[in-house]
Amino acid sequence: MDRTVRCIWLGVPLLALAGAAAQLITPSAWLAWALPANASIWESQKACLWPIILYWAAIYFTQPTARQAPGAWWLACTASIVTATTVFALLHYFAVHALALAGKALPFFLLIAAITTAQALAAHLWVRSGSPHPARPLTALGLISALYATLAYLPPNLPWWQP
């Protein structure tokens, strides 16, 4: 297993801790773009998004193989982010509405499951993807980040954003 794949797997417990910390912090208004501001599912997904972005940036700057294959890095990073936020939302709705689970610990378990799934897919893509052109994943990552930051300050009046 190459060093970058080991770093990707090392990210699971580190990202889970960072996400848990993000869920516990009550942010001020100027940090609402990065930290969950309330208990809505949309806000809770930020506990996946920003730690993953920071962790993958650290992988890029510390692992020479990531800089040698920027397309594979962008693809794995973007897949990790999209997978973590999607799995988190799907598991949340399944746990709350199908299984009628509730409690303060539920988001932490969902976060661990989402991050583990996301990093597993990212490791697989890192090994198998070769070096695709980074334009598409970079564009997707930019749009996702802009969407989260914008909707933190201008949330619509829909159930997805309600605590």
Foldseek 3Di string as FASTA:
>chain_A
DDPLLVLLVVVLVVLLVQLVVLQPDQDDPVCLLQGQNDPFLLRSLSSQAPSLVVSLVVSCVPPPVCVVQVQLSLVLSLQLSVQLSVQLVVVVCCCCPVVVDDDPCVSSVSNSVSNVVSSVVSSVSSVPVGRDDNPVSVVSSVVVSVVSNVCSVVPDPDRNPDD
